[in-house]
Amino acid sequence: MKPLSILIRFAPSLMLFTAVACGGSEAKEISILPPDFADAGDAGQVDYMMKSSTPDSVARFICNAALGKVENARIDTLSIAAAYAYENYNDSDLIVFSREFDSFAENLPLNEKMRIYSMAGNLDPQGLGYELGLDYVNHIRENRMSVDDIRKELLAFKEACENDSDMYNRFMKGFRTVLKVDHGKDLPEDVYNAFINQ
């Protein structure tokens, strides 16, 4: 799958942007938020964070707030929040923001990754499930996931797709396609056996 920042930069509208999720500095970032922080709107919240946090923290904050994970913050329109950062960072800070943005998006749990890509609105909704499936073997490999780990993540993803069974079915089609091509490489044999014909 193409990096999310590339998809965003070359989207038809300049306002179609997205960002990534919060890591270990979340508690520190939350502690600096004023009581009426969410009332500042998407751009206002990002502006505040840009003045008080590093670009990588801002990238994580935007996604976490969009996913509803940051108390006292609320990003309603992911594209507006991320567009503000893209338009107001200088070159070096923009590189840091963009790299964190892509890296963290790729490493989100599958159900949250789907939500972020869906909120970004930059991918064809019918192709999104298939693209996520094609990319999932890399996620398994990079995170050294066991069959049990994969089953748990797929269950959470299926629950997230409850109202869109086509998304889940397209994901599984892409996932099985790559497993068949990849079979015999460096993943444990039980991973291939468990999911190729599922």
N, C-alpha and C. Protein backbone atom coordinates (compact mmCIF):
# COMPACT_ATOMS: atom_id res chain seq x y z
N MET A 1 0.84 -1.19 0.00
CA MET A 1 0.00 0.00 0.00
C MET A 1 0.88 1.24 0.00
N LYS A 2 0.48 2.25 -0.76
CA LYS A 2 1.25 3.47 -0.82
C LYS A 2 1.22 4.17 0.53
N PRO A 3 2.31 4.92 0.89
CA PRO A 3 2.29 5.68 2.14
C PRO A 3 1.09 6.63 2.16
N LEU A 4 0.47 6.75 3.31
CA LEU A 4 -0.72 7.58 3.44
C LEU A 4 -0.42 9.03 3.09
N SER A 5 0.76 9.52 3.44
CA SER A 5 1.09 10.91 3.15
C SER A 5 1.17 11.17 1.65
N ILE A 6 1.60 10.17 0.87
CA ILE A 6 1.64 10.32 -0.58
C ILE A 6 0.22 10.41 -1.12
N LEU A 7 -0.65 9.54 -0.63
CA LEU A 7 -2.04 9.56 -1.07
C LEU A 7 -2.67 10.90 -0.75
N ILE A 8 -2.33 11.43 0.40
CA ILE A 8 -2.92 12.68 0.84
C ILE A 8 -2.42 13.86 0.01
N ARG A 9 -1.11 13.93 -0.21
CA ARG A 9 -0.55 15.06 -0.93
C ARG A 9 -1.08 15.19 -2.34
N PHE A 10 -1.35 14.04 -2.95
CA PHE A 10 -1.79 14.09 -4.34
C PHE A 10 -3.28 13.81 -4.50
N ALA A 11 -4.04 13.97 -3.41
CA ALA A 11 -5.49 13.82 -3.50
C ALA A 11 -6.08 14.97 -4.30
N PRO A 12 -7.25 14.79 -4.92
CA PRO A 12 -7.84 15.84 -5.73
C PRO A 12 -8.09 17.13 -4.97
N SER A 13 -8.44 17.03 -3.70
CA SER A 13 -8.68 18.22 -2.90
C SER A 13 -7.52 18.44 -1.95
N LEU A 14 -7.13 19.72 -1.77
CA LEU A 14 -6.03 20.02 -0.86
C LEU A 14 -6.40 19.72 0.59
N MET A 15 -7.69 19.57 0.86
CA MET A 15 -8.11 19.35 2.23
C MET A 15 -8.21 17.88 2.59
N LEU A 16 -7.89 16.97 1.69
CA LEU A 16 -7.97 15.54 2.01
C LEU A 16 -6.66 15.06 2.61
N PHE A 17 -6.56 15.14 3.91
CA PHE A 17 -5.37 14.72 4.63
C PHE A 17 -5.76 13.84 5.79
N THR A 18 -4.76 13.13 6.33
CA THR A 18 -5.00 12.33 7.53
C THR A 18 -3.74 12.25 8.36
N ALA A 19 -3.78 11.53 9.47
CA ALA A 19 -2.61 11.44 10.31
C ALA A 19 -2.60 10.16 11.10
N VAL A 20 -1.75 10.12 12.14
CA VAL A 20 -1.43 8.85 12.75
C VAL A 20 -1.62 8.85 14.25
N ALA A 21 -1.43 7.69 14.89
CA ALA A 21 -1.86 7.52 16.27
C ALA A 21 -0.79 7.79 17.30
N CYS A 22 -1.25 7.93 18.53
CA CYS A 22 -0.42 8.37 19.63
C CYS A 22 0.37 7.22 20.24
N GLY A 23 1.59 7.49 20.65
CA GLY A 23 2.43 6.49 21.26
C GLY A 23 2.59 6.73 22.74
N GLY A 24 3.81 6.51 23.26
CA GLY A 24 4.06 6.56 24.68
C GLY A 24 3.94 7.93 25.30
N SER A 25 4.01 9.00 24.51
CA SER A 25 3.94 10.34 25.08
C SER A 25 2.52 10.83 25.23
N GLU A 26 1.54 9.95 25.04
CA GLU A 26 0.13 10.35 25.09
C GLU A 26 -0.22 11.01 26.42
N ALA A 27 0.21 10.42 27.54
CA ALA A 27 -0.15 10.97 28.85
C ALA A 27 0.39 12.39 29.01
N LYS A 28 1.61 12.62 28.56
CA LYS A 28 2.19 13.96 28.65
C LYS A 28 1.40 14.94 27.80
N GLU A 29 1.03 14.51 26.59
CA GLU A 29 0.28 15.38 25.69
C GLU A 29 -1.09 15.70 26.27
N ILE A 30 -1.74 14.70 26.87
CA ILE A 30 -3.06 14.92 27.44
C ILE A 30 -2.98 15.89 28.61
N SER A 31 -1.93 15.81 29.42
CA SER A 31 -1.85 16.64 30.62
C SER A 31 -1.72 18.12 30.30
N ILE A 32 -1.31 18.48 29.07
CA ILE A 32 -1.13 19.89 28.76
C ILE A 32 -2.37 20.52 28.12
N LEU A 33 -3.42 19.76 27.94
CA LEU A 33 -4.60 20.28 27.26
C LEU A 33 -5.47 21.09 28.21
N PRO A 34 -5.88 22.31 27.81
CA PRO A 34 -6.77 23.10 28.65
C PRO A 34 -8.17 22.51 28.69
N PRO A 35 -8.98 22.89 29.67
CA PRO A 35 -10.31 22.27 29.83
C PRO A 35 -11.22 22.43 28.62
N ASP A 36 -11.16 23.56 27.93
CA ASP A 36 -12.05 23.80 26.79
C ASP A 36 -11.37 23.51 25.45
N PHE A 37 -10.38 22.65 25.48
CA PHE A 37 -9.54 22.39 24.31
C PHE A 37 -10.35 21.94 23.08
N ALA A 38 -11.30 21.03 23.27
CA ALA A 38 -12.06 20.49 22.14
C ALA A 38 -12.90 21.56 21.45
N ASP A 39 -13.22 22.64 22.17
CA ASP A 39 -14.03 23.71 21.58
C ASP A 39 -13.26 24.55 20.56
N ALA A 40 -11.94 24.35 20.49
CA ALA A 40 -11.11 25.15 19.57
C ALA A 40 -11.28 24.73 18.12
N GLY A 41 -11.95 23.61 17.85
CA GLY A 41 -12.09 23.12 16.49
C GLY A 41 -10.86 22.36 16.05
N ASP A 42 -10.95 21.74 14.90
CA ASP A 42 -9.86 20.88 14.42
C ASP A 42 -8.56 21.65 14.23
N ALA A 43 -8.62 22.74 13.47
CA ALA A 43 -7.40 23.53 13.20
C ALA A 43 -6.86 24.15 14.48
N GLY A 44 -7.74 24.63 15.35
CA GLY A 44 -7.30 25.25 16.60
C GLY A 44 -6.58 24.28 17.51
N GLN A 45 -7.09 23.06 17.59
CA GLN A 45 -6.43 22.05 18.43
C GLN A 45 -5.05 21.70 17.87
N VAL A 46 -4.96 21.57 16.55
CA VAL A 46 -3.67 21.25 15.94
C VAL A 46 -2.69 22.41 16.13
N ASP A 47 -3.17 23.63 15.98
CA ASP A 47 -2.32 24.81 16.18
C ASP A 47 -1.73 24.81 17.59
N TYR A 48 -2.55 24.54 18.58
CA TYR A 48 -2.09 24.48 19.96
C TYR A 48 -1.02 23.39 20.13
N MET A 49 -1.28 22.21 19.58
CA MET A 49 -0.33 21.12 19.70
C MET A 49 0.98 21.43 18.98
N MET A 50 0.90 22.07 17.82
CA MET A 50 2.12 22.42 17.08
C MET A 50 3.00 23.37 17.88
N LYS A 51 2.40 24.22 18.68
CA LYS A 51 3.17 25.19 19.48
C LYS A 51 3.73 24.57 20.76
N SER A 52 3.21 23.40 21.16
CA SER A 52 3.65 22.85 22.44
C SER A 52 4.24 21.44 22.34
N SER A 53 4.27 20.86 21.13
CA SER A 53 4.75 19.48 20.98
C SER A 53 5.61 19.35 19.72
N THR A 54 6.31 18.25 19.63
CA THR A 54 7.13 17.98 18.45
C THR A 54 6.25 17.52 17.29
N PRO A 55 6.73 17.64 16.04
CA PRO A 55 5.92 17.25 14.88
C PRO A 55 5.46 15.79 14.92
N ASP A 56 6.32 14.89 15.41
CA ASP A 56 5.90 13.49 15.47
C ASP A 56 4.77 13.30 16.49
N SER A 57 4.83 14.04 17.60
CA SER A 57 3.75 13.97 18.59
C SER A 57 2.45 14.52 18.03
N VAL A 58 2.55 15.57 17.22
CA VAL A 58 1.35 16.14 16.61
C VAL A 58 0.72 15.14 15.65
N ALA A 59 1.53 14.45 14.87
CA ALA A 59 1.00 13.43 13.96
C ALA A 59 0.25 12.35 14.72
N ARG A 60 0.83 11.89 15.81
CA ARG A 60 0.18 10.86 16.63
C ARG A 60 -1.10 11.40 17.29
N PHE A 61 -1.01 12.64 17.77
CA PHE A 61 -2.17 13.25 18.43
C PHE A 61 -3.37 13.34 17.49
N ILE A 62 -3.15 13.77 16.27
CA ILE A 62 -4.26 13.97 15.34
C ILE A 62 -5.06 12.68 15.15
N CYS A 63 -4.33 11.61 14.94
CA CYS A 63 -5.03 10.34 14.73
C CYS A 63 -5.70 9.86 16.00
N ASN A 64 -5.00 9.93 17.09
CA ASN A 64 -5.58 9.45 18.35
C ASN A 64 -6.85 10.22 18.69
N ALA A 65 -6.82 11.53 18.48
CA ALA A 65 -8.01 12.34 18.76
C ALA A 65 -9.14 11.99 17.79
N ALA A 66 -8.80 11.74 16.54
CA ALA A 66 -9.82 11.35 15.55
C ALA A 66 -10.43 10.00 15.90
N LEU A 67 -9.64 9.12 16.51
CA LEU A 67 -10.13 7.80 16.92
C LEU A 67 -10.84 7.85 18.27
N GLY A 68 -10.89 9.04 18.89
CA GLY A 68 -11.57 9.19 20.17
C GLY A 68 -10.77 8.70 21.36
N LYS A 69 -9.44 8.70 21.24
CA LYS A 69 -8.59 8.15 22.29
C LYS A 69 -7.97 9.20 23.20
N VAL A 70 -8.18 10.48 22.92
CA VAL A 70 -7.57 11.53 23.73
C VAL A 70 -8.67 12.25 24.50
N GLU A 71 -8.60 12.14 25.81
CA GLU A 71 -9.60 12.81 26.64
C GLU A 71 -9.49 14.31 26.47
N ASN A 72 -10.64 14.97 26.37
CA ASN A 72 -10.71 16.43 26.26
C ASN A 72 -10.22 16.96 24.91
N ALA A 73 -10.16 16.09 23.91
CA ALA A 73 -9.83 16.52 22.55
C ALA A 73 -10.78 15.81 21.60
N ARG A 74 -11.08 16.47 20.47
CA ARG A 74 -11.99 15.86 19.51
C ARG A 74 -11.67 16.39 18.12
N ILE A 75 -11.16 15.53 17.28
CA ILE A 75 -10.93 15.88 15.87
C ILE A 75 -12.14 15.35 15.10
N ASP A 76 -12.93 16.27 14.57
CA ASP A 76 -14.14 15.88 13.84
C ASP A 76 -13.86 15.57 12.37
N THR A 77 -12.96 16.33 11.76
CA THR A 77 -12.65 16.14 10.35
C THR A 77 -11.15 15.96 10.21
N LEU A 78 -10.76 14.73 10.03
CA LEU A 78 -9.34 14.39 9.96
C LEU A 78 -8.61 15.18 8.89
N SER A 79 -9.26 15.37 7.76
CA SER A 79 -8.62 16.08 6.65
C SER A 79 -8.26 17.52 7.00
N ILE A 80 -9.14 18.19 7.73
CA ILE A 80 -8.87 19.58 8.11
C ILE A 80 -7.72 19.65 9.11
N ALA A 81 -7.72 18.75 10.09
CA ALA A 81 -6.67 18.75 11.11
C ALA A 81 -5.30 18.52 10.50
N ALA A 82 -5.18 17.50 9.66
CA ALA A 82 -3.88 17.20 9.08
C ALA A 82 -3.46 18.24 8.05
N ALA A 83 -4.43 18.78 7.32
CA ALA A 83 -4.11 19.83 6.33
C ALA A 83 -3.50 21.05 7.02
N TYR A 84 -3.99 21.36 8.21
CA TYR A 84 -3.45 22.51 8.94
C TYR A 84 -1.98 22.29 9.25
N ALA A 85 -1.63 21.08 9.69
CA ALA A 85 -0.22 20.77 9.98
C ALA A 85 0.62 20.85 8.71
N TYR A 86 0.13 20.26 7.64
CA TYR A 86 0.88 20.28 6.38
C TYR A 86 1.12 21.70 5.88
N GLU A 87 0.16 22.56 6.06
CA GLU A 87 0.27 23.92 5.54
C GLU A 87 1.12 24.83 6.42
N ASN A 88 1.33 24.45 7.69
CA ASN A 88 2.00 25.36 8.62
C ASN A 88 3.34 24.89 9.15
N TYR A 89 3.75 23.68 8.84
CA TYR A 89 5.09 23.23 9.22
C TYR A 89 6.10 23.67 8.15
N ASN A 90 7.33 23.97 8.60
CA ASN A 90 8.40 24.22 7.63
C ASN A 90 8.92 22.89 7.11
N ASP A 91 9.86 22.94 6.19
CA ASP A 91 10.30 21.72 5.49
C ASP A 91 10.79 20.62 6.42
N SER A 92 11.68 20.95 7.36
CA SER A 92 12.25 19.89 8.20
C SER A 92 11.21 19.31 9.14
N ASP A 93 10.37 20.16 9.73
CA ASP A 93 9.31 19.65 10.61
C ASP A 93 8.27 18.87 9.83
N LEU A 94 8.01 19.28 8.62
CA LEU A 94 7.04 18.57 7.78
C LEU A 94 7.52 17.16 7.45
N ILE A 95 8.82 17.02 7.23
CA ILE A 95 9.38 15.68 6.97
C ILE A 95 9.18 14.78 8.18
N VAL A 96 9.45 15.30 9.38
CA VAL A 96 9.28 14.51 10.60
C VAL A 96 7.81 14.12 10.77
N PHE A 97 6.93 15.09 10.58
CA PHE A 97 5.49 14.85 10.71
C PHE A 97 5.04 13.76 9.73
N SER A 98 5.46 13.91 8.49
CA SER A 98 5.02 12.99 7.44
C SER A 98 5.55 11.57 7.67
N ARG A 99 6.81 11.46 8.08
CA ARG A 99 7.39 10.13 8.33
C ARG A 99 6.67 9.42 9.48
N GLU A 100 6.41 10.16 10.55
CA GLU A 100 5.72 9.56 11.70
C GLU A 100 4.30 9.14 11.31
N PHE A 101 3.69 10.02 10.58
CA PHE A 101 2.35 9.80 10.06
C PHE A 101 2.26 8.45 9.31
N ASP A 102 3.16 8.24 8.36
CA ASP A 102 3.15 7.01 7.57
C ASP A 102 3.51 5.79 8.41
N SER A 103 4.55 5.93 9.21
CA SER A 103 5.02 4.81 10.00
C SER A 103 3.96 4.33 10.98
N PHE A 104 3.35 5.27 11.66
CA PHE A 104 2.39 4.87 12.68
C PHE A 104 1.12 4.32 12.05
N ALA A 105 0.69 4.87 10.92
CA ALA A 105 -0.51 4.36 10.23
C ALA A 105 -0.31 2.90 9.84
N GLU A 106 0.87 2.58 9.36
CA GLU A 106 1.14 1.22 8.92
C GLU A 106 1.16 0.23 10.08
N ASN A 107 1.39 0.71 11.29
CA ASN A 107 1.52 -0.19 12.44
C ASN A 107 0.33 -0.17 13.37
N LEU A 108 -0.74 0.51 12.99
CA LEU A 108 -1.96 0.48 13.79
C LEU A 108 -2.58 -0.92 13.74
N PRO A 109 -3.31 -1.30 14.79
CA PRO A 109 -4.10 -2.53 14.68
C PRO A 109 -5.02 -2.42 13.47
N LEU A 110 -5.31 -3.52 12.87
CA LEU A 110 -6.03 -3.56 11.60
C LEU A 110 -7.34 -2.78 11.62
N ASN A 111 -8.13 -2.93 12.70
CA ASN A 111 -9.41 -2.23 12.75
C ASN A 111 -9.24 -0.72 12.80
N GLU A 112 -8.21 -0.23 13.52
CA GLU A 112 -7.97 1.21 13.61
C GLU A 112 -7.37 1.73 12.30
N LYS A 113 -6.53 0.93 11.69
CA LYS A 113 -5.96 1.33 10.40
C LYS A 113 -7.07 1.51 9.37
N MET A 114 -8.03 0.60 9.37
CA MET A 114 -9.17 0.74 8.45
C MET A 114 -9.92 2.03 8.73
N ARG A 115 -10.14 2.35 10.00
CA ARG A 115 -10.88 3.57 10.35
C ARG A 115 -10.14 4.81 9.88
N ILE A 116 -8.80 4.83 10.09
CA ILE A 116 -8.02 6.00 9.68
C ILE A 116 -8.07 6.17 8.16
N TYR A 117 -7.86 5.09 7.43
CA TYR A 117 -7.90 5.18 5.97
C TYR A 117 -9.30 5.56 5.48
N SER A 118 -10.33 5.06 6.15
CA SER A 118 -11.69 5.42 5.78
C SER A 118 -11.96 6.89 6.07
N MET A 119 -11.50 7.37 7.22
CA MET A 119 -11.70 8.78 7.56
C MET A 119 -10.96 9.70 6.61
N ALA A 120 -9.82 9.24 6.11
CA ALA A 120 -9.05 10.07 5.18
C ALA A 120 -9.81 10.26 3.88
N GLY A 121 -10.56 9.24 3.48
CA GLY A 121 -11.38 9.33 2.29
C GLY A 121 -10.61 9.40 0.99
N ASN A 122 -9.34 9.02 1.01
CA ASN A 122 -8.50 9.15 -0.18
C ASN A 122 -8.44 7.88 -1.01
N LEU A 123 -8.89 6.77 -0.46
CA LEU A 123 -8.85 5.51 -1.18
C LEU A 123 -10.26 5.13 -1.60
N ASP A 124 -10.36 4.48 -2.72
CA ASP A 124 -11.64 3.95 -3.19
C ASP A 124 -12.18 3.01 -2.12
N PRO A 125 -13.37 3.31 -1.56
CA PRO A 125 -13.88 2.46 -0.48
C PRO A 125 -13.98 0.98 -0.87
N GLN A 126 -14.28 0.71 -2.13
CA GLN A 126 -14.39 -0.69 -2.56
C GLN A 126 -13.02 -1.35 -2.64
N GLY A 127 -11.98 -0.57 -2.87
CA GLY A 127 -10.64 -1.14 -2.96
C GLY A 127 -9.90 -1.18 -1.64
N LEU A 128 -10.42 -0.45 -0.63
CA LEU A 128 -9.70 -0.34 0.63
C LEU A 128 -9.51 -1.69 1.31
N GLY A 129 -10.57 -2.49 1.41
CA GLY A 129 -10.45 -3.79 2.06
C GLY A 129 -9.43 -4.67 1.37
N TYR A 130 -9.48 -4.69 0.05
CA TYR A 130 -8.54 -5.50 -0.72
C TYR A 130 -7.10 -5.03 -0.50
N GLU A 131 -6.88 -3.71 -0.53
CA GLU A 131 -5.54 -3.16 -0.31
C GLU A 131 -5.01 -3.51 1.08
N LEU A 132 -5.88 -3.39 2.09
CA LEU A 132 -5.47 -3.76 3.45
C LEU A 132 -5.09 -5.23 3.52
N GLY A 133 -5.85 -6.08 2.84
CA GLY A 133 -5.54 -7.51 2.81
C GLY A 133 -4.22 -7.81 2.14
N LEU A 134 -3.96 -7.13 1.02
CA LEU A 134 -2.69 -7.33 0.31
C LEU A 134 -1.49 -6.94 1.17
N ASP A 135 -1.68 -5.93 2.01
CA ASP A 135 -0.58 -5.41 2.82
C ASP A 135 -0.42 -6.15 4.15
N TYR A 136 -1.39 -6.97 4.52
CA TYR A 136 -1.42 -7.53 5.87
C TYR A 136 -0.28 -8.52 6.13
N VAL A 137 0.17 -9.24 5.14
CA VAL A 137 1.26 -10.20 5.35
C VAL A 137 2.52 -9.45 5.80
N ASN A 138 2.77 -8.28 5.24
CA ASN A 138 3.93 -7.47 5.69
C ASN A 138 3.77 -7.09 7.16
N HIS A 139 2.55 -6.73 7.56
CA HIS A 139 2.27 -6.37 8.95
C HIS A 139 2.56 -7.57 9.87
N ILE A 140 2.13 -8.76 9.46
CA ILE A 140 2.38 -9.98 10.23
C ILE A 140 3.88 -10.22 10.37
N ARG A 141 4.58 -10.09 9.27
CA ARG A 141 6.02 -10.33 9.25
C ARG A 141 6.76 -9.33 10.15
N GLU A 142 6.45 -8.04 9.99
CA GLU A 142 7.16 -7.01 10.74
C GLU A 142 6.90 -7.09 12.23
N ASN A 143 5.70 -7.53 12.60
CA ASN A 143 5.34 -7.61 14.02
C ASN A 143 5.50 -9.01 14.60
N ARG A 144 6.01 -9.95 13.77
CA ARG A 144 6.26 -11.32 14.21
C ARG A 144 5.05 -11.92 14.92
N MET A 145 3.93 -11.82 14.26
CA MET A 145 2.66 -12.25 14.85
C MET A 145 2.49 -13.76 14.76
N SER A 146 1.91 -14.32 15.81
CA SER A 146 1.58 -15.74 15.83
C SER A 146 0.18 -15.93 15.24
N VAL A 147 -0.21 -17.19 15.06
CA VAL A 147 -1.56 -17.47 14.57
C VAL A 147 -2.60 -16.89 15.53
N ASP A 148 -2.37 -17.03 16.83
CA ASP A 148 -3.32 -16.48 17.81
C ASP A 148 -3.41 -14.96 17.72
N ASP A 149 -2.25 -14.30 17.56
CA ASP A 149 -2.23 -12.84 17.39
C ASP A 149 -3.06 -12.43 16.18
N ILE A 150 -2.88 -13.14 15.09
CA ILE A 150 -3.59 -12.83 13.84
C ILE A 150 -5.09 -13.05 14.03
N ARG A 151 -5.45 -14.17 14.66
CA ARG A 151 -6.88 -14.45 14.87
C ARG A 151 -7.54 -13.33 15.69
N LYS A 152 -6.86 -12.86 16.74
CA LYS A 152 -7.42 -11.80 17.58
C LYS A 152 -7.61 -10.52 16.77
N GLU A 153 -6.61 -10.18 15.97
CA GLU A 153 -6.70 -8.95 15.18
C GLU A 153 -7.78 -9.07 14.10
N LEU A 154 -7.89 -10.24 13.49
CA LEU A 154 -8.94 -10.44 12.48
C LEU A 154 -10.33 -10.39 13.10
N LEU A 155 -10.47 -10.89 14.31
CA LEU A 155 -11.77 -10.84 14.99
C LEU A 155 -12.16 -9.39 15.26
N ALA A 156 -11.21 -8.59 15.76
CA ALA A 156 -11.49 -7.17 16.02
C ALA A 156 -11.82 -6.45 14.72
N PHE A 157 -11.13 -6.81 13.65
CA PHE A 157 -11.38 -6.20 12.35
C PHE A 157 -12.78 -6.58 11.84
N LYS A 158 -13.14 -7.85 12.00
CA LYS A 158 -14.46 -8.30 11.55
C LYS A 158 -15.56 -7.58 12.31
N GLU A 159 -15.35 -7.39 13.62
CA GLU A 159 -16.33 -6.65 14.42
C GLU A 159 -16.43 -5.20 13.96
N ALA A 160 -15.29 -4.60 13.60
CA ALA A 160 -15.29 -3.22 13.10
C ALA A 160 -15.99 -3.12 11.76
N CYS A 161 -16.02 -4.21 11.01
CA CYS A 161 -16.67 -4.25 9.69
C CYS A 161 -18.11 -4.77 9.78
N GLU A 162 -18.67 -4.78 10.97
CA GLU A 162 -19.99 -5.39 11.18
C GLU A 162 -21.04 -4.89 10.19
N ASN A 163 -21.02 -3.60 9.90
CA ASN A 163 -22.01 -3.02 8.99
C ASN A 163 -21.52 -2.99 7.54
N ASP A 164 -20.36 -3.57 7.29
CA ASP A 164 -19.80 -3.58 5.94
C ASP A 164 -19.10 -4.92 5.70
N SER A 165 -19.89 -5.96 5.54
CA SER A 165 -19.32 -7.30 5.37
C SER A 165 -18.48 -7.38 4.09
N ASP A 166 -18.81 -6.56 3.10
CA ASP A 166 -18.02 -6.56 1.86
C ASP A 166 -16.58 -6.13 2.13
N MET A 167 -16.38 -5.18 3.05
CA MET A 167 -15.03 -4.74 3.40
C MET A 167 -14.22 -5.93 3.93
N TYR A 168 -14.82 -6.69 4.85
CA TYR A 168 -14.12 -7.84 5.43
C TYR A 168 -13.85 -8.90 4.36
N ASN A 169 -14.83 -9.17 3.52
CA ASN A 169 -14.65 -10.18 2.47
C ASN A 169 -13.56 -9.78 1.48
N ARG A 170 -13.52 -8.50 1.12
CA ARG A 170 -12.46 -8.03 0.21
C ARG A 170 -11.09 -8.11 0.88
N PHE A 171 -11.05 -7.79 2.18
CA PHE A 171 -9.80 -7.92 2.93
C PHE A 171 -9.30 -9.36 2.89
N MET A 172 -10.19 -10.32 3.21
CA MET A 172 -9.78 -11.72 3.25
C MET A 172 -9.34 -12.22 1.87
N LYS A 173 -9.97 -11.73 0.82
CA LYS A 173 -9.56 -12.11 -0.53
C LYS A 173 -8.13 -11.63 -0.80
N GLY A 174 -7.84 -10.37 -0.47
CA GLY A 174 -6.49 -9.84 -0.65
C GLY A 174 -5.48 -10.57 0.22
N PHE A 175 -5.84 -10.85 1.47
CA PHE A 175 -4.96 -11.53 2.41
C PHE A 175 -4.61 -12.93 1.91
N ARG A 176 -5.63 -13.71 1.49
CA ARG A 176 -5.39 -15.07 1.01
C ARG A 176 -4.56 -15.06 -0.28
N THR A 177 -4.79 -14.08 -1.14
CA THR A 177 -4.03 -13.98 -2.39
C THR A 177 -2.54 -13.84 -2.10
N VAL A 178 -2.20 -12.95 -1.17
CA VAL A 178 -0.78 -12.75 -0.86
C VAL A 178 -0.20 -13.96 -0.13
N LEU A 179 -0.97 -14.58 0.75
CA LEU A 179 -0.47 -15.78 1.43
C LEU A 179 -0.11 -16.87 0.43
N LYS A 180 -0.93 -17.05 -0.58
CA LYS A 180 -0.65 -18.09 -1.59
C LYS A 180 0.63 -17.79 -2.35
N VAL A 181 0.82 -16.53 -2.71
CA VAL A 181 2.04 -16.13 -3.43
C VAL A 181 3.26 -16.22 -2.53
N ASP A 182 3.07 -15.88 -1.26
CA ASP A 182 4.17 -15.81 -0.29
C ASP A 182 4.51 -17.18 0.31
N HIS A 183 3.63 -18.17 0.14
CA HIS A 183 3.77 -19.46 0.82
C HIS A 183 5.16 -20.06 0.59
N GLY A 184 5.76 -20.49 1.72
CA GLY A 184 7.08 -21.11 1.65
C GLY A 184 8.21 -20.15 1.92
N LYS A 185 7.88 -18.89 2.14
CA LYS A 185 8.94 -17.91 2.46
C LYS A 185 9.21 -17.96 3.95
N ASP A 186 9.32 -16.80 4.59
CA ASP A 186 9.85 -16.78 5.95
C ASP A 186 8.81 -16.78 7.07
N LEU A 187 7.53 -16.83 6.76
CA LEU A 187 6.54 -16.93 7.84
C LEU A 187 6.44 -18.37 8.32
N PRO A 188 6.06 -18.58 9.58
CA PRO A 188 5.88 -19.96 10.05
C PRO A 188 4.82 -20.68 9.22
N GLU A 189 5.01 -21.95 8.98
CA GLU A 189 4.10 -22.73 8.15
C GLU A 189 2.67 -22.73 8.70
N ASP A 190 2.54 -22.67 10.04
CA ASP A 190 1.19 -22.69 10.60
C ASP A 190 0.39 -21.43 10.26
N VAL A 191 1.08 -20.32 9.99
CA VAL A 191 0.37 -19.11 9.56
C VAL A 191 -0.25 -19.33 8.19
N TYR A 192 0.54 -19.87 7.25
CA TYR A 192 0.00 -20.15 5.92
C TYR A 192 -1.16 -21.15 6.01
N ASN A 193 -0.96 -22.21 6.76
CA ASN A 193 -1.96 -23.28 6.83
C ASN A 193 -3.26 -22.80 7.47
N ALA A 194 -3.14 -21.88 8.44
CA ALA A 194 -4.33 -21.44 9.15
C ALA A 194 -5.22 -20.52 8.34
N PHE A 195 -4.64 -19.76 7.40
CA PHE A 195 -5.43 -18.70 6.77
C PHE A 195 -5.57 -18.78 5.25
N ILE A 196 -4.79 -19.59 4.57
CA ILE A 196 -4.89 -19.61 3.10
C ILE A 196 -6.27 -20.03 2.64
N ASN A 197 -6.87 -20.98 3.31
CA ASN A 197 -8.18 -21.48 2.88
C ASN A 197 -9.32 -21.05 3.78
N GLN A 198 -9.07 -20.08 4.64
CA GLN A 198 -10.10 -19.65 5.59
C GLN A 198 -11.22 -18.92 4.87
